[in-house]
Protein backbone atom coordinates (compact mmCIF):
# COMPACT_ATOMS: atom_id res chain seq x y z
CA MET A 1 123.04 469.39 189.15
CA LEU A 2 122.83 468.60 192.61
CA ASN A 3 118.87 467.31 192.46
CA TRP A 4 119.88 465.27 189.19
CA ILE A 5 123.35 463.68 191.11
CA SER A 6 121.27 462.74 194.49
CA LYS A 7 118.55 460.84 192.60
CA THR A 8 120.78 459.09 190.72
CA VAL A 9 122.93 457.77 194.04
CA THR A 10 119.04 457.18 195.77
CA LYS A 11 118.51 455.03 192.81
CA LEU A 12 121.29 452.97 192.34
CA ALA A 13 121.66 452.67 196.35
CA THR A 14 120.64 449.54 198.32
CA PRO A 15 118.73 449.39 201.08
CA GLU A 16 121.61 449.08 203.20
CA GLN A 17 122.88 452.47 201.51
CA ILE A 18 120.13 454.14 202.04
CA ALA A 19 119.91 453.57 205.78
CA ARG A 20 123.34 454.32 205.98
CA MET A 21 122.16 457.44 204.77
CA TYR A 22 119.83 458.32 207.34
CA ARG A 23 121.75 457.50 209.92
CA SER A 24 124.63 459.57 209.11
CA THR A 25 124.27 462.53 206.72
CA SER A 26 124.91 465.87 208.71
CA PRO A 27 121.22 468.12 208.91
CA ALA A 28 123.26 471.01 206.79
CA PHE A 29 123.94 468.60 204.02
CA ALA A 30 120.23 466.50 204.03
CA GLN A 31 118.50 470.00 203.91
CA LYS A 32 120.82 471.60 201.08
CA ILE A 33 120.26 468.29 198.96
CA ALA A 34 116.09 468.68 200.04
CA LEU A 35 115.87 472.26 198.78
CA SER A 36 117.65 471.59 195.61
CA ARG A 37 114.99 469.04 195.15
CA PHE A 38 112.05 471.11 196.10
CA ARG A 39 113.06 473.40 193.70
CA HIS A 40 113.19 470.74 191.44
CA THR A 41 109.73 469.74 192.36
CA VAL A 42 107.70 472.72 191.76
CA ARG A 43 109.39 473.46 188.51
CA TYR A 44 108.43 470.05 187.11
CA VAL A 45 104.81 470.49 188.36
CA ALA A 46 104.60 473.91 187.26
CA LYS A 47 105.39 472.37 183.88
CA TYR A 48 103.29 468.96 183.76
CA SER A 49 100.76 469.16 185.98
CA PRO A 50 97.28 470.90 185.16
CA PHE A 51 96.26 471.45 188.54
CA TYR A 52 99.56 473.27 190.08
CA ARG A 53 99.97 475.29 186.32
CA ASP A 54 96.34 476.28 187.11
CA ALA A 55 96.84 476.65 190.95
CA PHE A 56 99.99 478.34 190.67
CA ALA A 57 98.81 481.05 187.81
CA ALA A 58 95.76 481.74 190.43
CA ALA A 59 98.55 482.68 193.09
CA GLY A 60 100.67 484.78 190.71
CA ILE A 61 103.29 482.39 191.84
CA ASN A 62 106.45 482.06 188.90
CA ALA A 63 107.89 478.32 189.71
CA GLU A 64 111.04 479.32 188.19
CA ALA A 65 111.43 482.05 190.86
CA VAL A 66 110.80 479.45 194.11
CA LYS A 67 113.18 478.48 196.09
CA THR A 68 112.33 477.25 199.31
CA PRO A 69 108.50 476.39 200.75
CA ALA A 70 108.47 480.05 202.15
CA ASP A 71 108.48 481.41 198.38
CA LEU A 72 105.07 480.30 198.23
CA GLY A 73 103.43 482.02 200.87
CA ASP A 74 100.24 480.61 201.76
CA PHE A 75 99.67 478.25 198.99
CA TYR A 76 99.54 474.56 199.89
CA THR A 77 97.54 471.18 198.55
CA THR A 78 94.72 469.95 200.59
CA PRO A 79 93.08 466.70 200.86
CA ASP A 80 89.97 468.26 199.38
CA ASP A 81 92.09 468.83 196.04
CA LEU A 82 93.23 465.20 196.00
CA SER A 83 89.22 464.12 196.35
CA SER A 84 87.74 466.26 193.56
CA GLN A 85 90.71 466.98 191.14
CA ALA A 86 93.38 463.66 191.65
CA GLU A 87 93.85 463.30 187.62
CA LYS A 88 94.87 466.73 187.20
CA PHE A 89 97.91 466.02 189.30
CA ILE A 90 99.42 463.71 187.13
CA CYS A 91 102.39 464.40 185.22
CA LYS A 92 103.37 461.03 183.66
CA LYS A 93 101.28 458.28 182.91
CA PRO A 94 100.67 455.94 186.21
CA SER A 95 100.91 451.94 186.89
CA ILE A 96 98.64 451.83 189.72
CA VAL A 97 96.19 453.95 191.83
CA PHE A 98 95.37 453.98 195.67
CA GLU A 99 92.89 455.01 197.40
CA SER A 100 92.24 456.88 201.01
CA SER A 101 89.02 458.18 203.03
CA GLY A 102 88.34 461.79 203.26
CA THR A 103 86.72 463.87 205.96
CA SER A 104 83.66 464.45 203.57
CA GLY A 105 83.67 460.37 202.61
CA ARG A 106 84.83 460.91 199.24
CA ASN A 107 87.97 458.86 198.78
CA LYS A 108 91.31 460.68 197.65
CA GLN A 109 93.10 459.23 194.62
CA VAL A 110 96.63 459.08 194.74
CA TYR A 111 98.68 457.69 191.11
CA TYR A 112 102.19 455.81 191.63
CA GLY A 113 105.02 454.83 188.88
CA LYS A 114 106.00 451.27 188.49
CA ASP A 115 109.80 452.57 189.41
CA GLU A 116 108.21 454.70 191.82
CA LEU A 117 106.62 451.49 193.37
CA GLN A 118 110.27 449.58 193.41
CA GLN A 119 112.10 452.72 195.28
CA MET A 120 109.46 453.30 197.74
CA GLY A 121 110.07 449.53 198.47
CA LYS A 122 113.76 450.33 198.86
CA THR A 123 113.07 452.94 201.59
CA MET A 124 110.78 450.72 203.31
CA ALA A 125 113.80 448.29 203.48
CA ALA A 126 115.80 451.00 204.29
CA GLY A 127 113.57 451.85 207.47
CA MET A 128 113.08 447.83 208.37
CA ARG A 129 116.60 447.60 208.63
CA LEU A 130 117.25 450.78 210.91
CA MET A 131 114.29 449.30 213.07
CA GLY A 132 116.23 446.03 213.17
CA VAL A 133 115.17 443.54 210.47
CA THR A 134 117.68 441.34 208.81
CA SER A 135 117.83 438.77 206.27
CA GLU A 136 117.60 435.95 209.08
CA ASP A 137 114.24 437.19 209.93
CA ARG A 138 110.81 435.35 208.65
CA VAL A 139 107.90 438.16 208.32
CA ALA A 140 104.24 437.68 208.83
CA ASN A 141 102.65 440.87 206.79
CA ALA A 142 99.07 441.60 207.82
CA PHE A 143 98.59 445.13 206.79
CA ASP A 144 95.70 445.79 204.33
CA PHE A 145 95.93 444.76 201.05
CA SER A 146 92.49 445.86 199.62
CA ILE A 147 92.39 449.69 198.21
CA TRP A 148 94.66 451.13 200.38
CA ILE A 149 98.46 451.21 200.09
CA PRO A 150 100.04 449.50 203.46
CA GLY A 151 99.86 445.98 202.48
CA LEU A 152 101.40 446.13 199.19
CA THR A 153 104.11 449.00 199.97
CA SER A 154 105.41 447.04 203.03
CA HIS A 155 105.63 443.95 200.50
CA TYR A 156 107.64 446.04 198.50
CA GLY A 157 109.72 446.67 201.47
CA LEU A 158 110.10 442.76 202.29
CA MET A 159 110.90 441.70 198.98
CA SER A 160 113.83 444.48 198.76
CA CYS A 161 114.81 443.83 202.29
CA ASP A 162 115.30 440.31 201.22
CA VAL A 163 113.65 438.39 203.74
CA PHE A 164 111.63 435.09 204.20
CA CYS A 165 107.38 436.55 204.01
CA LEU A 166 103.79 435.42 203.79
CA ALA A 167 101.54 438.46 202.82
CA PHE A 168 98.51 437.21 204.81
CA GLY A 169 96.69 440.88 204.07
CA LYS A 170 94.33 441.89 206.96
CA VAL A 171 93.05 438.27 207.99
CA ASP A 172 91.46 437.06 210.71
CA PRO A 173 94.39 437.27 213.36
CA LEU A 174 93.56 433.66 214.35
CA GLU A 175 94.90 432.58 211.04
CA VAL A 176 98.15 434.56 211.33
CA TYR A 177 98.72 433.02 214.73
CA ARG A 178 97.97 429.39 213.44
CA ARG A 179 100.58 429.42 211.35
CA LEU A 180 103.45 431.60 213.78
CA ASP A 181 105.35 428.02 214.42
CA GLN A 182 104.58 426.75 210.89
CA TYR A 183 106.36 429.27 209.56
CA LYS A 184 108.67 430.12 212.29
CA PHE A 185 108.10 433.86 211.92
CA THR A 186 110.49 436.01 214.06
CA VAL A 187 108.67 439.79 212.88
CA VAL A 188 104.75 440.90 212.16
CA LEU A 189 103.39 443.91 210.20
CA GLY A 190 99.91 444.68 211.09
CA GLU A 191 97.75 447.69 212.61
CA PRO A 192 98.09 448.38 216.22
CA THR A 193 94.37 447.22 217.06
CA TRP A 194 95.13 444.02 214.89
CA LEU A 195 98.45 443.29 216.75
CA ILE A 196 96.29 443.62 220.25
CA ARG A 197 93.83 441.02 218.89
CA LEU A 198 96.64 438.67 217.50
CA THR A 199 98.25 438.86 221.20
CA GLU A 200 95.17 438.53 223.17
CA LEU A 201 95.16 435.05 221.42
CA ALA A 202 98.65 434.50 222.34
CA GLU A 203 98.26 435.58 225.93
CA LYS A 204 95.37 432.71 226.12
CA ASP A 205 97.54 430.25 224.54
CA GLY A 206 100.14 431.40 227.62
CA GLY A 207 102.32 433.31 225.15
CA LYS A 208 105.08 433.27 222.45
CA LYS A 209 108.09 434.39 221.29
CA LEU A 210 108.43 437.09 218.66
CA LYS A 211 111.63 439.16 217.84
CA MET A 212 109.50 442.41 217.09
CA LEU A 213 105.85 443.26 216.01
CA ILE A 214 106.06 446.85 213.69
CA GLY A 215 102.77 448.70 213.49
CA GLY A 216 101.29 451.15 211.09
CA ALA A 217 98.10 453.42 210.00
CA GLU A 218 97.05 454.19 213.60
CA GLU A 219 98.39 454.79 216.96
CA MET A 220 99.29 452.49 219.22
CA PRO A 221 97.63 452.45 222.80
CA VAL A 222 100.82 453.47 225.35
CA ALA A 223 99.64 450.93 227.68
CA ALA A 224 99.97 448.41 225.13
CA VAL A 225 103.35 448.14 224.60
CA PRO A 226 105.11 446.50 227.59
CA TRP A 227 101.91 443.94 227.81
CA MET A 228 102.58 443.16 224.71
CA GLN A 229 106.17 443.02 225.25
CA LYS A 230 105.74 440.50 228.03
CA VAL A 231 103.27 438.21 225.86
CA TRP A 232 105.64 437.92 223.02
CA GLY A 233 108.66 437.58 224.94
CA GLY A 234 110.37 440.40 225.36
CA ALA A 235 109.50 441.21 221.54
CA THR A 236 110.50 444.75 220.29
CA ILE A 237 107.54 446.72 219.59
CA LYS A 238 108.08 449.61 216.40
CA MET A 239 105.49 452.08 214.70
CA CYS A 240 105.88 453.93 211.29
CA TYR A 241 103.95 456.95 209.94
CA GLY A 242 102.83 457.02 206.61
CA THR A 243 99.87 457.71 204.34
CA VAL A 244 98.58 457.00 201.48
CA GLU A 245 99.64 460.17 199.91
CA GLN A 246 103.22 459.86 201.35
CA GLY A 247 103.25 456.33 200.08
CA ASP A 248 105.81 455.07 202.03
CA ALA A 249 106.59 455.78 205.44
CA LEU A 250 107.60 459.59 206.48
CA GLY A 251 108.81 457.89 209.69
CA PHE A 252 110.39 455.12 211.76
CA GLN A 253 111.65 454.19 215.14
CA PRO A 254 115.10 453.07 214.48
CA CYS A 255 116.13 453.72 218.59
CA SER A 256 114.89 453.11 221.55
CA ARG A 257 112.75 456.74 221.57
CA MET A 258 108.95 455.45 221.46
CA ASP A 259 107.46 459.21 221.29
CA GLY A 260 107.95 459.83 217.62
CA TYR A 261 109.97 458.85 214.58
CA HIS A 262 112.68 459.75 212.76
CA MET A 263 111.71 461.22 209.56
CA ASN A 264 112.39 460.42 205.84
CA SER A 265 114.29 463.53 205.03
CA VAL A 266 115.59 461.54 201.29
CA ASP A 267 112.41 461.63 199.64
CA PHE A 268 110.53 464.11 201.70
CA LEU A 269 110.88 467.83 202.69
CA PRO A 270 108.43 468.89 205.92
CA GLU A 271 107.38 471.61 207.62
CA ILE A 272 105.27 472.38 210.75
CA ILE A 273 102.81 475.30 209.96
CA GLU A 274 100.87 477.37 211.92
CA ALA A 275 102.73 476.30 214.89
CA ASP A 276 101.55 477.15 218.87
CA ALA A 277 103.58 478.76 221.71
CA GLU A 278 105.16 475.01 221.80
CA GLY A 279 105.45 474.37 218.37
CA TYR A 280 103.14 472.09 217.87
CA GLY A 281 101.00 472.85 214.38
CA GLU A 282 100.33 470.82 211.45
CA MET A 283 102.81 468.66 209.41
CA VAL A 284 102.91 469.53 205.52
CA PHE A 285 105.03 467.67 203.33
CA THR A 286 106.73 467.97 199.94
CA THR A 287 107.43 465.18 197.80
CA LEU A 288 110.93 465.09 196.48
CA THR A 289 111.07 461.94 194.37
CA ARG A 290 108.14 461.10 192.72
CA SER A 291 107.44 461.92 189.04
CA VAL A 292 104.06 460.75 188.32
CA MET A 293 101.93 462.75 190.71
CA PRO A 294 104.30 464.70 192.89
CA LEU A 295 102.90 466.86 196.01
CA VAL A 296 103.82 470.47 196.55
CA ARG A 297 103.03 471.72 200.69
CA TYR A 298 100.16 468.73 201.18
CA ARG A 299 98.25 468.94 204.40
CA THR A 300 98.19 465.94 206.10
CA ARG A 301 96.07 467.70 208.93
CA ASP A 302 97.82 466.01 211.50
CA VAL A 303 99.53 467.87 214.80
CA THR A 304 103.21 467.26 215.67
CA ARG A 305 106.23 469.36 216.35
CA LEU A 306 109.89 468.47 215.02
CA ASP A 307 112.42 468.10 217.86
CA LYS A 308 115.83 469.79 216.39
CA ASN A 309 117.62 468.81 219.38
CA PRO A 310 119.99 465.47 218.33
CA CYS A 311 119.07 462.07 219.34
CA ASN A 312 121.08 460.06 221.77
CA CYS A 313 121.30 457.19 219.01
CA GLY A 314 123.43 459.07 216.94
CA ILE A 315 121.03 458.99 213.57
CA ARG A 316 121.31 462.33 212.14
CA ALA A 317 117.84 462.38 210.43
CA PRO A 318 115.37 464.54 211.89
CA PHE A 319 112.64 463.65 214.47
CA MET A 320 109.06 464.08 214.77
CA GLU A 321 107.23 463.68 217.78
CA LYS A 322 103.66 461.79 218.31
CA LEU A 323 100.78 462.79 216.62
CA ARG A 324 98.94 465.07 219.04
CA GLY A 325 95.64 464.89 217.09
CA ARG A 326 94.15 465.94 213.90
CA ARG A 327 92.81 469.09 212.54
CA ASP A 328 89.73 467.78 210.49
CA GLU A 329 86.92 465.00 212.24
CA LEU A 330 88.13 461.87 210.56
CA VAL A 331 89.54 459.30 213.13
CA VAL A 332 92.13 456.61 212.49
CA ALA A 333 90.58 453.77 214.92
CA SER A 334 88.77 450.30 214.54
CA GLY A 335 90.93 449.35 211.75
CA GLY A 336 89.77 452.30 209.47
CA ASN A 337 89.20 456.07 208.61
CA LEU A 338 85.99 456.98 210.53
CA TYR A 339 84.20 460.35 209.91
CA PRO A 340 80.85 461.95 210.79
CA LEU A 341 79.26 461.55 207.34
CA MET A 342 79.68 457.51 207.87
CA PHE A 343 77.94 457.33 210.94
CA GLN A 344 75.22 460.14 209.89
CA THR A 345 74.64 457.15 206.81
CA ILE A 346 74.35 454.76 208.99
CA LEU A 347 71.99 456.11 211.61
CA ASN A 348 70.17 457.27 208.98
CA ASP A 349 68.19 454.32 208.64
CA ILE A 350 66.99 453.84 212.01
CA PRO A 351 63.56 455.25 212.93
CA GLY A 352 62.79 457.47 215.94
CA LEU A 353 66.23 458.90 216.25
CA THR A 354 66.54 462.55 217.06
CA HIS A 355 69.02 464.57 215.00
CA ASP A 356 71.71 464.41 218.05
CA TRP A 357 74.08 462.10 217.99
CA GLN A 358 77.69 461.46 219.10
CA VAL A 359 80.66 458.46 218.43
CA ILE A 360 83.15 458.13 221.51
CA PHE A 361 86.23 455.97 221.17
CA ARG A 362 87.63 454.39 224.50
CA LEU A 363 89.92 452.45 225.49
CA ASP A 364 89.02 449.12 227.94
CA GLY A 365 92.80 447.54 228.66
CA VAL A 366 94.21 448.08 225.50
CA ARG A 367 90.98 447.12 223.36
CA GLU A 368 89.16 450.05 221.36
CA VAL A 369 85.40 450.86 222.16
CA LEU A 370 83.31 452.33 220.00
CA GLU A 371 80.22 453.96 221.40
CA ILE A 372 77.44 455.61 219.71
CA ASN A 373 75.34 457.36 221.35
CA VAL A 374 71.90 458.29 220.30
CA GLU A 375 68.71 460.23 221.57
CA SER A 376 65.38 458.29 221.03
CA ASN A 377 62.00 457.92 223.39
CA ARG A 378 61.81 454.26 221.94
CA MET A 379 62.09 452.36 224.95
CA ASP A 380 63.52 449.27 222.80
CA HIS A 381 67.42 449.91 223.18
CA ASP A 382 68.20 446.55 222.23
CA LEU A 383 66.51 446.69 218.97
CA ILE A 384 67.86 450.22 218.27
CA ASP A 385 71.40 448.49 218.70
CA GLN A 386 70.42 445.46 216.58
CA GLN A 387 69.47 448.29 213.83
CA ILE A 388 72.28 449.99 213.83
CA ARG A 389 74.44 447.31 213.50
CA GLN A 390 72.55 446.05 210.61
CA SER A 391 72.40 449.34 209.09
CA ALA A 392 76.48 449.14 209.37
CA THR A 393 76.94 445.86 208.03
CA PHE A 394 74.72 447.22 204.51
CA HIS A 395 77.00 450.82 204.29
CA TYR A 396 80.05 449.63 205.55
CA PRO A 397 80.67 446.10 205.46
CA ASP A 398 84.57 446.63 206.45
CA LEU A 399 84.06 448.27 209.19
CA MET A 400 81.96 445.22 210.36
CA LYS A 401 84.17 442.98 209.07
CA ASN A 402 87.21 444.54 211.85
CA LEU A 403 84.29 443.80 214.44
CA ALA A 404 83.83 440.39 213.77
CA LEU A 405 87.35 439.96 213.93
CA GLY A 406 87.33 441.14 217.74
CA ILE A 407 89.57 444.54 216.35
CA PHE A 408 87.32 446.49 218.58
CA ARG A 409 84.16 446.23 220.19
CA MET A 410 81.14 448.36 219.72
CA GLN A 411 78.34 449.28 222.00
CA THR A 412 75.20 451.80 221.80
CA GLN A 413 73.90 453.94 224.46
CA VAL A 414 70.21 455.62 224.14
CA HIS A 415 70.34 458.91 225.96
CA ALA A 416 66.58 460.96 226.57
CA PRO A 417 66.05 463.69 223.84
CA GLY A 418 68.08 466.63 224.68
CA GLN A 419 70.75 465.25 226.39
CA ILE A 420 73.75 465.09 224.24
CA ARG A 421 73.69 468.40 223.14
CA SER A 422 74.03 471.08 225.92
CA ARG A 423 75.88 474.35 223.68
CA ARG A 424 74.86 475.39 219.74
CA LYS A 425 77.84 473.01 218.63
CA LEU A 426 77.82 469.03 218.70
CA LYS A 427 81.27 467.37 218.47
CA ARG A 428 80.45 464.02 216.43
CA LEU A 429 83.48 462.33 216.93
CA VAL A 430 85.41 462.40 220.06
CA ASP A 431 89.00 460.45 220.56
CA LEU A 432 89.65 459.62 224.03
CA ARG A 433 91.93 456.57 223.35
CA HIS A 434 95.13 458.26 223.84
CA ASP A 435 93.49 461.37 226.63
CA PRO A 436 96.45 461.46 229.20
CA ARG A 437 94.11 462.03 232.02
CA PRO A 438 94.59 459.42 234.87
CA SER A 439 91.54 457.04 234.43
CA LEU A 440 90.93 456.80 238.02
CA ALA A 441 91.52 460.15 239.56
CA GLU A 442 89.72 462.18 237.01
CA PRO A 443 87.38 460.39 234.99
CA ALA A 444 86.66 460.83 231.11
CA PRO A 445 84.07 463.24 230.31
CA SER A 446 80.56 461.93 229.70
CA ALA A 447 78.64 462.35 226.27
CA GLU A 448 77.06 465.48 227.53
CA GLU A 449 80.10 467.27 228.11
CA LEU A 450 82.02 466.15 224.90
CA VAL A 451 80.97 469.00 223.20
CA SER A 452 82.79 472.15 221.31
């Protein structure tokens, strides 16, 4: 009964009312509702999802006896499950599907219903309201509208938020910049690397005035925030945390804290598993309000921790710290999900290379640099770089489109055979963009040092 009442209230609530729920609902009552919805979700998928019906049977799980996540023991849903068996998760007829890259290169598919998209729009609108977006704002939405999810779900959010907007999609930042004055935009949405490129355009032009920039899908470089605020005349910089599997954002930044996110505990039950001594572990979540393709204890591979102390802003929703890293080899950079197989495919086309290679992601100021390190006895290093770019354009045109837009820079370093690998196992993708070491006092490690 509590689950039915809470779902009915959420369905009928406006974005403003949902925002008040996040702000004022006591953690104890929110947890009570979440556990009621969790029990319903487990029973629901056991009845309607072929995947969970078979998986529960194989694990000896009686769905009717499950009351808390702990009752499921070491049962989890993984990204590989979605890549290989997505349609077996479906419980009722879907209206739309979104895709997301996995570490193996096989796309994950996540299905949603029309009513779920509308509800996600209200949730997104509530998060935007909490972050300061009002009905008086005019919003440029530059999130990707291709096969990924952020463009459309944020658009549903803007529609529910009752603001004027333009659905740009992930176009050349210059196209948005040219229209800032024409449409009197006050807020811009986009991926951090895209927003950085837009800010560079504004800086060259002497600066502009915006109220807010909201990013998502990847981390924002810490050094970029004060610079962006200055260029945009004191604009507020906010971030959201969400994935294709979550649908809408799991975390928002409604207060001045920039070290993490207040979590959406209305639609998700989050857990931290396999935590270390400091409390950092893998973020796992269960969807609580979805009926087309619910997910039970889904492993995100994102490493973070939950701060159980009350936030000074007064919002009662739980707080998740910024991601410390990922447990798989996927790196979210350069405007997309990048994985080892991707670069192996690119380099397979290049003659005269050894099997050892490594890709390093760095920051030059606030601009991302994608550095491809290869080994070869060839002396025509410029031609190797040209061939790599041609191969990347053929196999992954979206990546090179981001390069053409100035989202990141790419460079090739050619080493003599045997220089990259110094140990048995070579770490293929190395992310140094948010490395905490001082850049001058302690230089970042070289390619030769970056092995595991």
